[in-house]
mmCIF file of all heavy atoms, coordinates in Angstrom:
data_MODEL
# 
_entry.id   MODEL 
# 
loop_
_atom_site.group_PDB 
_atom_site.id 
_atom_site.type_symbol 
_atom_site.label_atom_id 
_atom_site.label_alt_id 
_atom_site.label_comp_id 
_atom_site.label_asym_id 
_atom_site.label_entity_id 
_atom_site.label_seq_id 
_atom_site.pdbx_PDB_ins_code 
_atom_site.Cartn_x 
_atom_site.Cartn_y 
_atom_site.Cartn_z 
_atom_site.occupancy 
_atom_site.B_iso_or_equiv 
_atom_site.pdbx_formal_charge 
_atom_site.auth_seq_id 
_atom_site.auth_comp_id 
_atom_site.auth_asym_id 
_atom_site.auth_atom_id 
_atom_site.pdbx_PDB_model_num 
ATOM 1   N N   . ARG A 1 1  ? 131.618 77.334 36.608 1.00 0.00 ? 1  ARG A N   1 
ATOM 2   C CA  . ARG A 1 1  ? 131.273 77.459 35.198 1.00 0.00 ? 1  ARG A CA  1 
ATOM 3   C C   . ARG A 1 1  ? 129.824 77.894 35.111 1.00 0.00 ? 1  ARG A C   1 
ATOM 4   O O   . ARG A 1 1  ? 128.956 77.350 35.797 1.00 0.00 ? 1  ARG A O   1 
ATOM 5   C CB  . ARG A 1 1  ? 131.483 76.147 34.456 1.00 0.00 ? 1  ARG A CB  1 
ATOM 6   C CG  . ARG A 1 1  ? 132.963 75.840 34.198 1.00 0.00 ? 1  ARG A CG  1 
ATOM 7   C CD  . ARG A 1 1  ? 133.089 74.746 33.215 1.00 0.00 ? 1  ARG A CD  1 
ATOM 8   N NE  . ARG A 1 1  ? 132.137 73.755 33.645 1.00 0.00 ? 1  ARG A NE  1 
ATOM 9   C CZ  . ARG A 1 1  ? 131.848 72.596 33.122 1.00 0.00 ? 1  ARG A CZ  1 
ATOM 10  N NH1 . ARG A 1 1  ? 132.305 72.273 32.251 1.00 0.00 ? 1  ARG A NH1 1 
ATOM 11  N NH2 . ARG A 1 1  ? 131.020 71.747 33.559 1.00 0.00 ? 1  ARG A NH2 1 
ATOM 12  N N   . PHE A 1 2  ? 129.553 78.849 34.243 1.00 0.00 ? 2  PHE A N   1 
ATOM 13  C CA  . PHE A 1 2  ? 128.193 79.365 34.140 1.00 0.00 ? 2  PHE A CA  1 
ATOM 14  C C   . PHE A 1 2  ? 127.841 79.670 32.696 1.00 0.00 ? 2  PHE A C   1 
ATOM 15  O O   . PHE A 1 2  ? 128.725 79.836 31.838 1.00 0.00 ? 2  PHE A O   1 
ATOM 16  C CB  . PHE A 1 2  ? 128.022 80.616 35.004 1.00 0.00 ? 2  PHE A CB  1 
ATOM 17  C CG  . PHE A 1 2  ? 128.846 81.793 34.574 1.00 0.00 ? 2  PHE A CG  1 
ATOM 18  C CD1 . PHE A 1 2  ? 128.327 82.764 33.722 1.00 0.00 ? 2  PHE A CD1 1 
ATOM 19  C CD2 . PHE A 1 2  ? 130.160 81.953 35.018 1.00 0.00 ? 2  PHE A CD2 1 
ATOM 20  C CE1 . PHE A 1 2  ? 129.079 83.849 33.319 1.00 0.00 ? 2  PHE A CE1 1 
ATOM 21  C CE2 . PHE A 1 2  ? 130.930 83.049 34.627 1.00 0.00 ? 2  PHE A CE2 1 
ATOM 22  C CZ  . PHE A 1 2  ? 130.385 83.988 33.778 1.00 0.00 ? 2  PHE A CZ  1 
ATOM 23  N N   . ALA A 1 3  ? 126.538 79.703 32.434 1.00 0.00 ? 3  ALA A N   1 
ATOM 24  C CA  . ALA A 1 3  ? 126.033 79.992 31.089 1.00 0.00 ? 3  ALA A CA  1 
ATOM 25  C C   . ALA A 1 3  ? 125.405 81.380 31.068 1.00 0.00 ? 3  ALA A C   1 
ATOM 26  O O   . ALA A 1 3  ? 124.673 81.761 31.985 1.00 0.00 ? 3  ALA A O   1 
ATOM 27  C CB  . ALA A 1 3  ? 125.010 78.943 30.676 1.00 0.00 ? 3  ALA A CB  1 
ATOM 28  N N   . ARG A 1 4  ? 125.711 82.129 29.994 1.00 0.00 ? 4  ARG A N   1 
ATOM 29  C CA  . ARG A 1 4  ? 125.116 83.455 29.822 1.00 0.00 ? 4  ARG A CA  1 
ATOM 30  C C   . ARG A 1 4  ? 124.998 83.752 28.337 1.00 0.00 ? 4  ARG A C   1 
ATOM 31  O O   . ARG A 1 4  ? 125.969 83.580 27.582 1.00 0.00 ? 4  ARG A O   1 
ATOM 32  C CB  . ARG A 1 4  ? 125.953 84.522 30.518 1.00 0.00 ? 4  ARG A CB  1 
ATOM 33  C CG  . ARG A 1 4  ? 125.392 85.932 30.363 1.00 0.00 ? 4  ARG A CG  1 
ATOM 34  C CD  . ARG A 1 4  ? 126.050 86.922 31.289 1.00 0.00 ? 4  ARG A CD  1 
ATOM 35  N NE  . ARG A 1 4  ? 127.503 86.910 31.178 1.00 0.00 ? 4  ARG A NE  1 
ATOM 36  C CZ  . ARG A 1 4  ? 128.311 87.551 32.022 1.00 0.00 ? 4  ARG A CZ  1 
ATOM 37  N NH1 . ARG A 1 4  ? 127.792 88.189 33.062 1.00 0.00 ? 4  ARG A NH1 1 
ATOM 38  N NH2 . ARG A 1 4  ? 129.615 87.520 31.837 1.00 0.00 ? 4  ARG A NH2 1 
ATOM 39  N N   . ASP A 1 5  ? 123.810 84.141 27.928 1.00 0.00 ? 5  ASP A N   1 
ATOM 40  C CA  . ASP A 1 5  ? 123.568 84.437 26.512 1.00 0.00 ? 5  ASP A CA  1 
ATOM 41  C C   . ASP A 1 5  ? 123.911 83.267 25.604 1.00 0.00 ? 5  ASP A C   1 
ATOM 42  O O   . ASP A 1 5  ? 124.465 83.440 24.497 1.00 0.00 ? 5  ASP A O   1 
ATOM 43  C CB  . ASP A 1 5  ? 124.382 85.667 26.089 1.00 0.00 ? 5  ASP A CB  1 
ATOM 44  C CG  . ASP A 1 5  ? 123.961 86.911 26.834 1.00 0.00 ? 5  ASP A CG  1 
ATOM 45  O OD1 . ASP A 1 5  ? 122.780 87.024 27.173 1.00 0.00 ? 5  ASP A OD1 1 
ATOM 46  O OD2 . ASP A 1 5  ? 124.826 87.755 27.101 1.00 0.00 ? 5  ASP A OD2 1 
ATOM 47  N N   . GLY A 1 6  ? 123.630 82.055 26.110 1.00 0.00 ? 6  GLY A N   1 
ATOM 48  C CA  . GLY A 1 6  ? 123.826 80.871 25.297 1.00 0.00 ? 6  GLY A CA  1 
ATOM 49  C C   . GLY A 1 6  ? 125.256 80.378 25.228 1.00 0.00 ? 6  GLY A C   1 
ATOM 50  O O   . GLY A 1 6  ? 125.534 79.397 24.532 1.00 0.00 ? 6  GLY A O   1 
ATOM 51  N N   . GLU A 1 7  ? 126.161 81.050 25.917 1.00 0.00 ? 7  GLU A N   1 
ATOM 52  C CA  . GLU A 1 7  ? 127.558 80.633 25.907 1.00 0.00 ? 7  GLU A CA  1 
ATOM 53  C C   . GLU A 1 7  ? 128.037 80.367 27.332 1.00 0.00 ? 7  GLU A C   1 
ATOM 54  O O   . GLU A 1 7  ? 127.529 80.942 28.287 1.00 0.00 ? 7  GLU A O   1 
ATOM 55  C CB  . GLU A 1 7  ? 128.437 81.714 25.273 1.00 0.00 ? 7  GLU A CB  1 
ATOM 56  C CG  . GLU A 1 7  ? 128.100 81.982 23.803 1.00 0.00 ? 7  GLU A CG  1 
ATOM 57  C CD  . GLU A 1 7  ? 129.043 83.001 23.196 1.00 0.00 ? 7  GLU A CD  1 
ATOM 58  O OE1 . GLU A 1 7  ? 129.913 83.519 23.934 1.00 0.00 ? 7  GLU A OE1 1 
ATOM 59  O OE2 . GLU A 1 7  ? 128.899 83.283 21.992 1.00 0.00 ? 7  GLU A OE2 1 
ATOM 60  N N   . GLU A 1 8  ? 129.020 79.482 27.465 1.00 0.00 ? 8  GLU A N   1 
ATOM 61  C CA  . GLU A 1 8  ? 129.578 79.173 28.775 1.00 0.00 ? 8  GLU A CA  1 
ATOM 62  C C   . GLU A 1 8  ? 130.799 80.035 29.053 1.00 0.00 ? 8  GLU A C   1 
ATOM 63  O O   . GLU A 1 8  ? 131.550 80.397 28.154 1.00 0.00 ? 8  GLU A O   1 
ATOM 64  C CB  . GLU A 1 8  ? 129.955 77.686 28.880 1.00 0.00 ? 8  GLU A CB  1 
ATOM 65  C CG  . GLU A 1 8  ? 128.781 76.791 29.180 1.00 0.00 ? 8  GLU A CG  1 
ATOM 66  C CD  . GLU A 1 8  ? 129.206 75.432 29.740 1.00 0.00 ? 8  GLU A CD  1 
ATOM 67  O OE1 . GLU A 1 8  ? 130.394 75.282 30.116 1.00 0.00 ? 8  GLU A OE1 1 
ATOM 68  O OE2 . GLU A 1 8  ? 128.345 74.540 29.804 1.00 0.00 ? 8  GLU A OE2 1 
ATOM 69  N N   . ASP A 1 9  ? 130.968 80.353 30.323 1.00 0.00 ? 9  ASP A N   1 
ATOM 70  C CA  . ASP A 1 9  ? 132.118 81.126 30.757 1.00 0.00 ? 9  ASP A CA  1 
ATOM 71  C C   . ASP A 1 9  ? 132.569 80.566 32.102 1.00 0.00 ? 9  ASP A C   1 
ATOM 72  O O   . ASP A 1 9  ? 131.912 79.664 32.662 1.00 0.00 ? 9  ASP A O   1 
ATOM 73  C CB  . ASP A 1 9  ? 131.767 82.613 30.859 1.00 0.00 ? 9  ASP A CB  1 
ATOM 74  C CG  . ASP A 1 9  ? 132.989 83.513 30.742 1.00 0.00 ? 9  ASP A CG  1 
ATOM 75  O OD1 . ASP A 1 9  ? 134.119 83.003 30.904 1.00 0.00 ? 9  ASP A OD1 1 
ATOM 76  O OD2 . ASP A 1 9  ? 132.816 84.716 30.509 1.00 0.00 ? 9  ASP A OD2 1 
ATOM 77  N N   . PHE A 1 10 ? 133.642 81.091 32.647 1.00 0.00 ? 10 PHE A N   1 
ATOM 78  C CA  . PHE A 1 10 ? 134.177 80.565 33.913 1.00 0.00 ? 10 PHE A CA  1 
ATOM 79  C C   . PHE A 1 10 ? 134.485 81.715 34.855 1.00 0.00 ? 10 PHE A C   1 
ATOM 80  O O   . PHE A 1 10 ? 135.088 82.728 34.449 1.00 0.00 ? 10 PHE A O   1 
ATOM 81  C CB  . PHE A 1 10 ? 135.459 79.767 33.644 1.00 0.00 ? 10 PHE A CB  1 
ATOM 82  C CG  . PHE A 1 10 ? 136.018 79.096 34.872 1.00 0.00 ? 10 PHE A CG  1 
ATOM 83  C CD1 . PHE A 1 10 ? 135.444 77.932 35.369 1.00 0.00 ? 10 PHE A CD1 1 
ATOM 84  C CD2 . PHE A 1 10 ? 137.113 79.632 35.532 1.00 0.00 ? 10 PHE A CD2 1 
ATOM 85  C CE1 . PHE A 1 10 ? 135.963 77.319 36.510 1.00 0.00 ? 10 PHE A CE1 1 
ATOM 86  C CE2 . PHE A 1 10 ? 137.632 79.030 36.669 1.00 0.00 ? 10 PHE A CE2 1 
ATOM 87  C CZ  . PHE A 1 10 ? 137.059 77.870 37.157 1.00 0.00 ? 10 PHE A CZ  1 
ATOM 88  N N   . PHE A 1 11 ? 134.046 81.558 36.115 1.00 0.00 ? 11 PHE A N   1 
ATOM 89  C CA  . PHE A 1 11 ? 134.339 82.560 37.134 1.00 0.00 ? 11 PHE A CA  1 
ATOM 90  C C   . PHE A 1 11 ? 135.297 81.948 38.150 1.00 0.00 ? 11 PHE A C   1 
ATOM 91  O O   . PHE A 1 11 ? 134.923 81.006 38.872 1.00 0.00 ? 11 PHE A O   1 
ATOM 92  C CB  . PHE A 1 11 ? 133.066 83.030 37.836 1.00 0.00 ? 11 PHE A CB  1 
ATOM 93  C CG  . PHE A 1 11 ? 133.316 84.038 38.919 1.00 0.00 ? 11 PHE A CG  1 
ATOM 94  C CD1 . PHE A 1 11 ? 133.609 85.350 38.590 1.00 0.00 ? 11 PHE A CD1 1 
ATOM 95  C CD2 . PHE A 1 11 ? 133.289 83.676 40.257 1.00 0.00 ? 11 PHE A CD2 1 
ATOM 96  C CE1 . PHE A 1 11 ? 133.873 86.291 39.583 1.00 0.00 ? 11 PHE A CE1 1 
ATOM 97  C CE2 . PHE A 1 11 ? 133.550 84.602 41.252 1.00 0.00 ? 11 PHE A CE2 1 
ATOM 98  C CZ  . PHE A 1 11 ? 133.842 85.919 40.917 1.00 0.00 ? 11 PHE A CZ  1 
ATOM 99  N N   . PRO A 1 12 ? 136.531 82.427 38.244 1.00 0.00 ? 12 PRO A N   1 
ATOM 100 C CA  . PRO A 1 12 ? 137.482 81.838 39.185 1.00 0.00 ? 12 PRO A CA  1 
ATOM 101 C C   . PRO A 1 12 ? 137.227 82.300 40.620 1.00 0.00 ? 12 PRO A C   1 
ATOM 102 O O   . PRO A 1 12 ? 136.987 83.488 40.872 1.00 0.00 ? 12 PRO A O   1 
ATOM 103 C CB  . PRO A 1 12 ? 138.824 82.365 38.677 1.00 0.00 ? 12 PRO A CB  1 
ATOM 104 C CG  . PRO A 1 12 ? 138.496 83.661 38.011 1.00 0.00 ? 12 PRO A CG  1 
ATOM 105 C CD  . PRO A 1 12 ? 137.127 83.487 37.418 1.00 0.00 ? 12 PRO A CD  1 
ATOM 106 N N   . CYS A 1 13 ? 137.252 81.367 41.549 1.00 0.00 ? 13 CYS A N   1 
ATOM 107 C CA  . CYS A 1 13 ? 137.110 81.679 42.969 1.00 0.00 ? 13 CYS A CA  1 
ATOM 108 C C   . CYS A 1 13 ? 137.607 80.489 43.776 1.00 0.00 ? 13 CYS A C   1 
ATOM 109 O O   . CYS A 1 13 ? 137.689 79.373 43.258 1.00 0.00 ? 13 CYS A O   1 
ATOM 110 C CB  . CYS A 1 13 ? 135.671 82.016 43.330 1.00 0.00 ? 13 CYS A CB  1 
ATOM 111 S SG  . CYS A 1 13 ? 134.496 80.690 43.021 1.00 0.00 ? 13 CYS A SG  1 
ATOM 112 N N   . GLU A 1 14 ? 137.916 80.744 45.035 1.00 0.00 ? 14 GLU A N   1 
ATOM 113 C CA  . GLU A 1 14 ? 138.416 79.678 45.898 1.00 0.00 ? 14 GLU A CA  1 
ATOM 114 C C   . GLU A 1 14 ? 137.297 78.897 46.566 1.00 0.00 ? 14 GLU A C   1 
ATOM 115 O O   . GLU A 1 14 ? 137.448 77.713 46.869 1.00 0.00 ? 14 GLU A O   1 
ATOM 116 C CB  . GLU A 1 14 ? 139.352 80.268 46.952 1.00 0.00 ? 14 GLU A CB  1 
ATOM 117 C CG  . GLU A 1 14 ? 140.624 80.859 46.372 1.00 0.00 ? 14 GLU A CG  1 
ATOM 118 C CD  . GLU A 1 14 ? 141.428 81.602 47.405 1.00 0.00 ? 14 GLU A CD  1 
ATOM 119 O OE1 . GLU A 1 14 ? 141.915 80.966 48.361 1.00 0.00 ? 14 GLU A OE1 1 
ATOM 120 O OE2 . GLU A 1 14 ? 141.556 82.842 47.273 1.00 0.00 ? 14 GLU A OE2 1 
ATOM 121 N N   . SER A 1 15 ? 136.163 79.572 46.837 1.00 0.00 ? 15 SER A N   1 
ATOM 122 C CA  . SER A 1 15 ? 135.054 78.912 47.522 1.00 0.00 ? 15 SER A CA  1 
ATOM 123 C C   . SER A 1 15 ? 133.733 79.325 46.908 1.00 0.00 ? 15 SER A C   1 
ATOM 124 O O   . SER A 1 15 ? 133.614 80.386 46.276 1.00 0.00 ? 15 SER A O   1 
ATOM 125 C CB  . SER A 1 15 ? 135.052 79.263 49.018 1.00 0.00 ? 15 SER A CB  1 
ATOM 126 O OG  . SER A 1 15 ? 136.224 78.800 49.647 1.00 0.00 ? 15 SER A OG  1 
ATOM 127 N N   . VAL A 1 16 ? 132.732 78.469 47.119 1.00 0.00 ? 16 VAL A N   1 
ATOM 128 C CA  . VAL A 1 16 ? 131.378 78.717 46.627 1.00 0.00 ? 16 VAL A CA  1 
ATOM 129 C C   . VAL A 1 16 ? 130.398 78.448 47.767 1.00 0.00 ? 16 VAL A C   1 
ATOM 130 O O   . VAL A 1 16 ? 130.544 77.461 48.497 1.00 0.00 ? 16 VAL A O   1 
ATOM 131 C CB  . VAL A 1 16 ? 131.044 77.797 45.432 1.00 0.00 ? 16 VAL A CB  1 
ATOM 132 C CG1 . VAL A 1 16 ? 129.601 78.008 44.979 1.00 0.00 ? 16 VAL A CG1 1 
ATOM 133 C CG2 . VAL A 1 16 ? 132.014 78.036 44.283 1.00 0.00 ? 16 VAL A CG2 1 
ATOM 134 N N   . ILE A 1 17 ? 129.417 79.324 47.926 1.00 0.00 ? 17 ILE A N   1 
ATOM 135 C CA  . ILE A 1 17 ? 128.331 79.077 48.876 1.00 0.00 ? 17 ILE A CA  1 
ATOM 136 C C   . ILE A 1 17 ? 127.014 79.142 48.114 1.00 0.00 ? 17 ILE A C   1 
ATOM 137 O O   . ILE A 1 17 ? 126.702 80.153 47.477 1.00 0.00 ? 17 ILE A O   1 
ATOM 138 C CB  . ILE A 1 17 ? 128.324 80.076 50.044 1.00 0.00 ? 17 ILE A CB  1 
ATOM 139 C CG1 . ILE A 1 17 ? 129.592 79.900 50.886 1.00 0.00 ? 17 ILE A CG1 1 
ATOM 140 C CG2 . ILE A 1 17 ? 127.077 79.887 50.906 1.00 0.00 ? 17 ILE A CG2 1 
ATOM 141 C CD1 . ILE A 1 17 ? 129.674 80.822 52.089 1.00 0.00 ? 17 ILE A CD1 1 
ATOM 142 N N   . VAL A 1 18 ? 126.247 78.053 48.172 1.00 0.00 ? 18 VAL A N   1 
ATOM 143 C CA  . VAL A 1 18 ? 124.958 77.970 47.490 1.00 0.00 ? 18 VAL A CA  1 
ATOM 144 C C   . VAL A 1 18 ? 123.874 78.495 48.419 1.00 0.00 ? 18 VAL A C   1 
ATOM 145 O O   . VAL A 1 18 ? 123.695 77.992 49.537 1.00 0.00 ? 18 VAL A O   1 
ATOM 146 C CB  . VAL A 1 18 ? 124.660 76.518 47.080 1.00 0.00 ? 18 VAL A CB  1 
ATOM 147 C CG1 . VAL A 1 18 ? 123.283 76.420 46.417 1.00 0.00 ? 18 VAL A CG1 1 
ATOM 148 C CG2 . VAL A 1 18 ? 125.746 75.996 46.139 1.00 0.00 ? 18 VAL A CG2 1 
ATOM 149 N N   . ALA A 1 19 ? 123.148 79.507 47.955 1.00 0.00 ? 19 ALA A N   1 
ATOM 150 C CA  . ALA A 1 19 ? 122.114 80.146 48.780 1.00 0.00 ? 19 ALA A CA  1 
ATOM 151 C C   . ALA A 1 19 ? 120.839 80.293 47.968 1.00 0.00 ? 19 ALA A C   1 
ATOM 152 O O   . ALA A 1 19 ? 120.428 81.400 47.610 1.00 0.00 ? 19 ALA A O   1 
ATOM 153 C CB  . ALA A 1 19 ? 122.594 81.512 49.265 1.00 0.00 ? 19 ALA A CB  1 
ATOM 154 N N   . VAL A 1 20 ? 120.205 79.168 47.650 1.00 0.00 ? 20 VAL A N   1 
ATOM 155 C CA  . VAL A 1 20 ? 119.034 79.213 46.772 1.00 0.00 ? 20 VAL A CA  1 
ATOM 156 C C   . VAL A 1 20 ? 117.731 78.842 47.467 1.00 0.00 ? 20 VAL A C   1 
ATOM 157 O O   . VAL A 1 20 ? 116.679 78.994 46.883 1.00 0.00 ? 20 VAL A O   1 
ATOM 158 C CB  . VAL A 1 20 ? 119.229 78.313 45.540 1.00 0.00 ? 20 VAL A CB  1 
ATOM 159 C CG1 . VAL A 1 20 ? 120.332 78.854 44.658 1.00 0.00 ? 20 VAL A CG1 1 
ATOM 160 C CG2 . VAL A 1 20 ? 119.527 76.878 45.942 1.00 0.00 ? 20 VAL A CG2 1 
ATOM 161 N N   . SER A 1 21 ? 117.769 78.362 48.695 1.00 0.00 ? 21 SER A N   1 
ATOM 162 C CA  . SER A 1 21 ? 116.551 78.045 49.447 1.00 0.00 ? 21 SER A CA  1 
ATOM 163 C C   . SER A 1 21 ? 116.858 76.920 50.406 1.00 0.00 ? 21 SER A C   1 
ATOM 164 O O   . SER A 1 21 ? 117.949 76.343 50.390 1.00 0.00 ? 21 SER A O   1 
ATOM 165 C CB  . SER A 1 21 ? 115.391 77.634 48.534 1.00 0.00 ? 21 SER A CB  1 
ATOM 166 O OG  . SER A 1 21 ? 114.201 77.526 49.290 1.00 0.00 ? 21 SER A OG  1 
ATOM 167 N N   . GLN A 1 22 ? 115.886 76.628 51.269 1.00 0.00 ? 22 GLN A N   1 
ATOM 168 C CA  . GLN A 1 22 ? 116.014 75.481 52.150 1.00 0.00 ? 22 GLN A CA  1 
ATOM 169 C C   . GLN A 1 22 ? 114.641 74.925 52.480 1.00 0.00 ? 22 GLN A C   1 
ATOM 170 O O   . GLN A 1 22 ? 113.634 75.614 52.340 1.00 0.00 ? 22 GLN A O   1 
ATOM 171 C CB  . GLN A 1 22 ? 116.777 75.827 53.434 1.00 0.00 ? 22 GLN A CB  1 
ATOM 172 C CG  . GLN A 1 22 ? 116.226 76.951 54.244 1.00 0.00 ? 22 GLN A CG  1 
ATOM 173 C CD  . GLN A 1 22 ? 116.850 78.292 53.931 1.00 0.00 ? 22 GLN A CD  1 
ATOM 174 O OE1 . GLN A 1 22 ? 117.803 78.397 53.160 1.00 0.00 ? 22 GLN A OE1 1 
ATOM 175 N NE2 . GLN A 1 22 ? 116.305 79.344 54.518 1.00 0.00 ? 22 GLN A NE2 1 
ATOM 176 N N   . GLY A 1 23 ? 114.627 73.663 52.898 1.00 0.00 ? 23 GLY A N   1 
ATOM 177 C CA  . GLY A 1 23 ? 113.381 73.004 53.258 1.00 0.00 ? 23 GLY A CA  1 
ATOM 178 C C   . GLY A 1 23 ? 113.504 72.382 54.640 1.00 0.00 ? 23 GLY A C   1 
ATOM 179 O O   . GLY A 1 23 ? 114.534 72.483 55.302 1.00 0.00 ? 23 GLY A O   1 
ATOM 180 N N   . PRO A 1 24 ? 112.438 71.736 55.115 1.00 0.00 ? 24 PRO A N   1 
ATOM 181 C CA  . PRO A 1 24 ? 112.461 71.140 56.454 1.00 0.00 ? 24 PRO A CA  1 
ATOM 182 C C   . PRO A 1 24 ? 113.203 69.817 56.481 1.00 0.00 ? 24 PRO A C   1 
ATOM 183 O O   . PRO A 1 24 ? 113.282 69.115 55.480 1.00 0.00 ? 24 PRO A O   1 
ATOM 184 C CB  . PRO A 1 24 ? 110.974 70.935 56.758 1.00 0.00 ? 24 PRO A CB  1 
ATOM 185 C CG  . PRO A 1 24 ? 110.353 70.739 55.419 1.00 0.00 ? 24 PRO A CG  1 
ATOM 186 C CD  . PRO A 1 24 ? 111.139 71.585 54.458 1.00 0.00 ? 24 PRO A CD  1 
ATOM 187 N N   . ARG A 1 25 ? 113.779 69.511 57.638 1.00 0.00 ? 25 ARG A N   1 
ATOM 188 C CA  . ARG A 1 25 ? 114.333 68.177 57.851 1.00 0.00 ? 25 ARG A CA  1 
ATOM 189 C C   . ARG A 1 25 ? 113.182 67.264 58.269 1.00 0.00 ? 25 ARG A C   1 
ATOM 190 O O   . ARG A 1 25 ? 112.396 67.610 59.149 1.00 0.00 ? 25 ARG A O   1 
ATOM 191 C CB  . ARG A 1 25 ? 115.397 68.202 58.950 1.00 0.00 ? 25 ARG A CB  1 
ATOM 192 C CG  . ARG A 1 25 ? 116.583 69.097 58.627 1.00 0.00 ? 25 ARG A CG  1 
ATOM 193 C CD  . ARG A 1 25 ? 117.697 68.886 59.630 1.00 0.00 ? 25 ARG A CD  1 
ATOM 194 N NE  . ARG A 1 25 ? 118.771 69.858 59.462 1.00 0.00 ? 25 ARG A NE  1 
ATOM 195 C CZ  . ARG A 1 25 ? 119.755 69.754 58.577 1.00 0.00 ? 25 ARG A CZ  1 
ATOM 196 N NH1 . ARG A 1 25 ? 119.781 68.731 57.758 1.00 0.00 ? 25 ARG A NH1 1 
ATOM 197 N NH2 . ARG A 1 25 ? 120.695 70.672 58.490 1.00 0.00 ? 25 ARG A NH2 1 
# 
């Protein structure tokens, strides 16, 4: 589920990979 132009919409998919950054352990 995502927001665009102030409204919510839905993108169908089987899998999601989050790739927004990483930090140290």
